[in-house]
Amino acid sequence: MQVGKPLTSQTTKNFMDIIPAIDLINGKCVRLTEGDYNTQKIYSEHPLQVAQYFEAQGAKRLHLVDLDGARAGKIVNHAVLAQIALHTKLIIDFGGGVKSDDSIALAFDSGASQVTLGSIAVQQPEKCITWITQYGSEKLILGADVREEQICINGWADNSTIDLYPFLEKYQQYGMKYVVCTDIQKDGRQEGTSIALYQKIRQKFPDLHLIASGGVTYLEDLQQLQAMGVSGAIVGKALYEGTLDWKILQQFMD
């Protein structure tokens, strides 16, 4: 299966990965608003076809989230991951339901190039630190999903009461290089992304490779993220609704 090269350092200051997203419920491609499962909208019953379309438009990477897995506490949609890995050359970062040694092994065995560690990074930090040693920091992404700068877990249903910046600092000290940060209150609303939040993260942690997620909607969002040196931007509902099209995105792609 395709493993590929994980997200690595920018070669120039202005380089930024554009990373389309596929969220999975019952094997279907869906989008939520602010992580609320009751708001789900099905965009396709064939996520492999969606992934192949993204690849045909020039995408090199894919952010694949198992929403069933996030809610169940174990990976559910690994077969979809395996199909996309087998039938595309996309470099896939996978998250949702990675809570055990068996589950992270399943994600990699199914074709993930990188695995995003979200809830488990809050609930079992010792295990995550072990995984950094076992798999290497290039293979892992820290998932920091926040509401008012506090980390949320379990499919964003629960507030952990852990503040964002000490959380990032701890994992950076243990060797974590990549972080995907989602402002939950922006996610799926198509009202623009959280520029001020990402500026603060960049200022406090200039050596972290920051991937912005949540509400990326306008050309101006991408321009501002690129200007501040963000490593990547995940684009979801704006693609599915046609607010952003690939002609716009291609100017940011290498």
Protein backbone atom coordinates (compact mmCIF):
# COMPACT_ATOMS: atom_id res chain seq x y z
CA MET A 1 0.00 0.00 0.00
CA GLN A 2 1.03 3.60 -0.54
CA VAL A 3 2.89 4.95 2.46
CA GLY A 4 4.57 7.99 0.98
CA LYS A 5 6.53 10.78 2.51
CA PRO A 6 5.05 12.51 5.55
CA LEU A 7 4.66 16.25 5.91
CA THR A 8 8.11 17.77 6.24
CA SER A 9 9.67 21.16 6.72
CA GLN A 10 8.90 23.93 4.27
CA THR A 11 11.57 24.46 1.65
CA THR A 12 10.80 28.17 1.50
CA LYS A 13 9.12 30.56 3.86
CA ASN A 14 6.03 30.84 1.69
CA PHE A 15 5.45 27.17 0.97
CA MET A 16 2.20 25.78 2.42
CA ASP A 17 0.50 22.42 1.94
CA ILE A 18 -3.14 22.49 0.91
CA ILE A 19 -4.72 19.42 2.52
CA PRO A 20 -8.29 18.48 1.55
CA ALA A 21 -10.32 16.69 4.21
CA ILE A 22 -12.60 13.68 4.20
CA ASP A 23 -14.62 12.95 7.33
CA LEU A 24 -16.23 9.53 7.57
CA ILE A 25 -19.49 8.36 9.13
CA ASN A 26 -20.84 4.94 8.17
CA GLY A 27 -18.29 4.81 5.37
CA LYS A 28 -19.66 7.99 3.79
CA CYS A 29 -18.07 11.36 3.19
CA VAL A 30 -19.71 13.90 5.49
CA ARG A 31 -19.17 17.33 7.02
CA LEU A 32 -20.27 18.56 10.42
CA THR A 33 -20.63 22.04 11.90
CA GLU A 34 -18.61 22.67 15.09
CA GLY A 35 -18.22 18.91 15.47
CA ASP A 36 -21.93 18.37 16.15
CA TYR A 37 -22.91 14.94 14.83
CA ASN A 38 -26.52 16.10 14.56
CA THR A 39 -25.49 18.56 11.83
CA GLN A 40 -23.95 15.98 9.51
CA LYS A 41 -24.42 16.47 5.79
CA ILE A 42 -23.57 13.62 3.43
CA TYR A 43 -21.60 14.77 0.39
CA SER A 44 -20.76 11.39 -1.08
CA GLU A 45 -21.31 7.72 -0.39
CA HIS A 46 -18.04 6.96 -2.20
CA PRO A 47 -15.08 8.51 -0.34
CA LEU A 48 -12.58 6.76 -2.61
CA GLN A 49 -14.00 8.65 -5.59
CA VAL A 50 -13.77 11.91 -3.65
CA ALA A 51 -10.12 11.18 -2.78
CA GLN A 52 -9.35 10.34 -6.42
CA TYR A 53 -10.97 13.61 -7.50
CA PHE A 54 -8.81 15.55 -5.04
CA GLU A 55 -5.73 13.79 -6.38
CA ALA A 56 -6.73 14.60 -9.97
CA GLN A 57 -6.92 18.28 -9.01
CA GLY A 58 -3.33 18.21 -7.82
CA ALA A 59 -3.65 17.39 -4.14
CA LYS A 60 -0.74 15.41 -2.69
CA ARG A 61 -2.11 14.95 0.82
CA LEU A 62 -5.36 13.98 2.47
CA HIS A 63 -6.67 14.56 5.98
CA LEU A 64 -8.86 11.52 6.72
CA VAL A 65 -10.93 11.48 9.91
CA ASP A 66 -12.87 8.50 11.21
CA LEU A 67 -15.73 10.26 13.03
CA ASP A 68 -17.29 6.91 13.93
CA GLY A 69 -13.96 5.94 15.44
CA ALA A 70 -13.66 9.19 17.38
CA ARG A 71 -17.03 8.52 18.98
CA ALA A 72 -16.52 4.78 19.52
CA GLY A 73 -13.00 5.04 20.89
CA LYS A 74 -11.64 2.61 18.29
CA ILE A 75 -10.98 2.74 14.56
CA VAL A 76 -14.11 1.88 12.57
CA ASN A 77 -13.48 2.94 8.97
CA HIS A 78 -10.06 1.35 8.43
CA ALA A 79 -11.31 -0.35 5.24
CA VAL A 80 -11.94 3.06 3.67
CA LEU A 81 -8.43 4.15 4.63
CA ALA A 82 -7.03 0.99 3.05
CA GLN A 83 -8.95 1.54 -0.19
CA ILE A 84 -7.81 5.15 -0.54
CA ALA A 85 -4.21 4.19 0.24
CA LEU A 86 -4.32 1.37 -2.30
CA HIS A 87 -5.97 3.29 -5.13
CA THR A 88 -4.34 6.72 -4.83
CA LYS A 89 -0.87 8.10 -4.23
CA LEU A 90 -2.13 10.56 -1.65
CA ILE A 91 -0.12 10.97 1.53
CA ILE A 92 -2.76 10.32 4.18
CA ASP A 93 -2.82 11.60 7.72
CA PHE A 94 -5.42 9.64 9.65
CA GLY A 95 -7.19 10.33 12.92
CA GLY A 96 -10.18 9.17 14.92
CA GLY A 97 -10.33 6.28 17.35
CA VAL A 98 -6.59 5.79 17.77
CA LYS A 99 -6.57 4.78 21.42
CA SER A 100 -4.35 1.68 21.67
CA ASP A 101 -1.21 0.01 20.39
CA ASP A 102 -3.34 -2.20 18.17
CA SER A 103 -5.25 0.75 16.71
CA ILE A 104 -2.21 2.81 15.78
CA ALA A 105 -0.66 -0.30 14.20
CA LEU A 106 -3.92 -0.86 12.28
CA ALA A 107 -3.85 2.71 10.98
CA PHE A 108 -0.32 2.36 9.66
CA ASP A 109 -0.95 -1.14 8.32
CA SER A 110 -4.01 0.19 6.47
CA GLY A 111 -1.92 2.79 4.66
CA ALA A 112 -1.71 5.93 6.80
CA SER A 113 1.49 7.91 6.32
CA GLN A 114 0.93 9.83 9.54
CA VAL A 115 -1.44 9.37 12.47
CA THR A 116 -3.02 12.23 14.37
CA LEU A 117 -3.11 11.79 18.14
CA GLY A 118 -6.04 13.68 19.63
CA SER A 119 -7.94 12.50 22.71
CA ILE A 120 -5.29 9.98 23.68
CA ALA A 121 -2.68 12.74 23.88
CA VAL A 122 -4.76 14.17 26.73
CA GLN A 123 -5.89 10.94 28.36
CA GLN A 124 -2.78 8.77 28.02
CA PRO A 125 0.25 11.01 27.47
CA GLU A 126 2.68 8.29 28.54
CA LYS A 127 1.48 6.05 25.70
CA CYS A 128 1.85 8.89 23.19
CA ILE A 129 5.38 9.61 24.38
CA THR A 130 6.18 5.92 23.88
CA TRP A 131 4.78 6.10 20.34
CA ILE A 132 7.01 9.09 19.56
CA THR A 133 9.98 6.87 20.37
CA GLN A 134 8.54 3.80 18.63
CA TYR A 135 7.32 5.37 15.37
CA GLY A 136 9.34 8.58 15.20
CA SER A 137 8.12 12.17 15.27
CA GLU A 138 7.82 12.34 11.45
CA LYS A 139 5.00 9.77 11.57
CA LEU A 140 2.86 11.47 14.21
CA ILE A 141 0.79 14.66 14.38
CA LEU A 142 -0.47 16.15 17.61
CA GLY A 143 -4.18 16.94 17.38
CA ALA A 144 -5.05 20.09 19.32
CA ASP A 145 -8.77 20.72 18.92
CA VAL A 146 -9.76 23.75 20.93
CA ARG A 147 -12.74 25.72 22.12
CA GLU A 148 -11.70 29.08 23.60
CA GLU A 149 -8.09 27.82 23.71
CA GLN A 150 -8.92 24.74 25.80
CA ILE A 151 -8.41 21.24 24.43
CA CYS A 152 -11.55 19.22 23.64
CA ILE A 153 -11.62 15.44 23.33
CA ASN A 154 -13.85 12.48 22.39
CA GLY A 155 -15.04 13.80 19.07
CA TRP A 156 -15.05 17.34 20.55
CA ALA A 157 -17.87 16.35 22.90
CA ASP A 158 -15.90 16.94 26.11
CA ASN A 159 -13.80 19.84 27.36
CA SER A 160 -10.60 18.58 28.96
CA THR A 161 -9.95 21.86 30.88
CA ILE A 162 -6.36 21.66 29.58
CA ASP A 163 -5.02 24.90 28.13
CA LEU A 164 -3.61 24.82 24.61
CA TYR A 165 -0.18 26.36 25.12
CA PRO A 166 1.12 24.19 28.00
CA PHE A 167 -0.20 21.19 26.06
CA LEU A 168 1.83 22.13 22.98
CA GLU A 169 4.90 22.94 25.06
CA LYS A 170 4.88 19.56 26.79
CA TYR A 171 4.70 17.58 23.59
CA GLN A 172 7.28 19.73 21.85
CA GLN A 173 9.66 18.92 24.70
CA TYR A 174 9.09 15.22 23.99
CA GLY A 175 9.97 15.65 20.34
CA MET A 176 6.62 16.26 18.63
CA LYS A 177 7.16 18.36 15.51
CA TYR A 178 3.73 18.56 13.88
CA VAL A 179 0.46 19.87 15.23
CA VAL A 180 -2.94 20.24 13.60
CA CYS A 181 -4.98 22.81 15.49
CA THR A 182 -8.71 23.17 14.93
CA ASP A 183 -10.74 26.03 16.35
CA ILE A 184 -13.98 24.12 16.90
CA GLN A 185 -16.09 27.27 16.94
CA LYS A 186 -14.94 28.05 13.41
CA ASP A 187 -15.20 24.55 12.00
CA GLY A 188 -17.76 24.08 9.25
CA ARG A 189 -19.24 27.55 9.59
CA GLN A 190 -17.63 28.99 6.45
CA GLU A 191 -16.99 32.29 8.17
CA GLY A 192 -13.20 32.32 7.96
CA THR A 193 -10.51 30.70 10.03
CA SER A 194 -8.96 31.65 13.37
CA ILE A 195 -6.08 33.82 12.19
CA ALA A 196 -5.39 35.36 15.63
CA LEU A 197 -5.11 31.91 17.23
CA TYR A 198 -2.62 30.68 14.65
CA GLN A 199 -0.57 33.84 14.96
CA LYS A 200 -0.25 33.25 18.70
CA ILE A 201 0.81 29.65 18.17
CA ARG A 202 3.39 30.67 15.56
CA GLN A 203 4.79 33.33 17.89
CA LYS A 204 5.03 31.01 20.87
CA PHE A 205 6.19 27.91 18.97
CA PRO A 206 8.02 29.01 15.82
CA ASP A 207 9.70 25.60 15.43
CA LEU A 208 6.45 23.61 15.37
CA HIS A 209 5.05 22.73 11.97
CA LEU A 210 1.54 24.08 12.36
CA ILE A 211 -1.37 22.81 10.28
CA ALA A 212 -4.39 25.11 10.44
CA SER A 213 -7.84 23.55 10.43
CA GLY A 214 -11.36 24.83 10.86
CA GLY A 215 -13.19 27.47 8.87
CA VAL A 216 -10.67 27.89 6.05
CA THR A 217 -13.05 29.52 3.59
CA TYR A 218 -11.61 32.45 1.68
CA LEU A 219 -8.58 33.29 -0.43
CA GLU A 220 -7.65 35.80 2.28
CA ASP A 221 -7.55 33.00 4.88
CA LEU A 222 -4.98 31.14 2.82
CA GLN A 223 -2.94 34.25 2.09
CA GLN A 224 -2.74 35.17 5.77
CA LEU A 225 -1.87 31.65 6.84
CA GLN A 226 0.82 31.43 4.19
CA ALA A 227 2.27 34.80 5.19
CA MET A 228 2.66 33.77 8.83
CA GLY A 229 4.54 30.59 7.85
CA VAL A 230 1.91 27.96 8.58
CA SER A 231 3.03 24.58 7.22
CA GLY A 232 -0.36 23.44 5.97
CA ALA A 233 -4.03 24.33 5.76
CA ILE A 234 -6.81 21.75 5.88
CA VAL A 235 -9.76 22.63 3.67
CA GLY A 236 -13.10 20.91 4.18
CA LYS A 237 -16.59 22.30 3.74
CA ALA A 238 -15.40 25.22 1.58
CA LEU A 239 -14.34 22.67 -1.03
CA TYR A 240 -17.54 20.66 -0.87
CA GLU A 241 -19.73 23.76 -1.05
CA GLY A 242 -17.66 25.36 -3.82
CA THR A 243 -16.66 28.42 -1.79
CA LEU A 244 -13.06 27.62 -2.65
CA ASP A 245 -12.19 25.96 -5.94
CA TRP A 246 -9.06 24.21 -7.07
CA LYS A 247 -8.02 27.04 -9.38
CA ILE A 248 -7.59 29.20 -6.28
CA LEU A 249 -5.90 26.46 -4.29
CA GLN A 250 -3.40 25.56 -6.98
CA GLN A 251 -1.58 28.89 -6.61
CA PHE A 252 -0.54 27.75 -3.11
CA MET A 253 0.53 24.26 -4.17
CA ASP A 254 4.07 23.35 -5.18
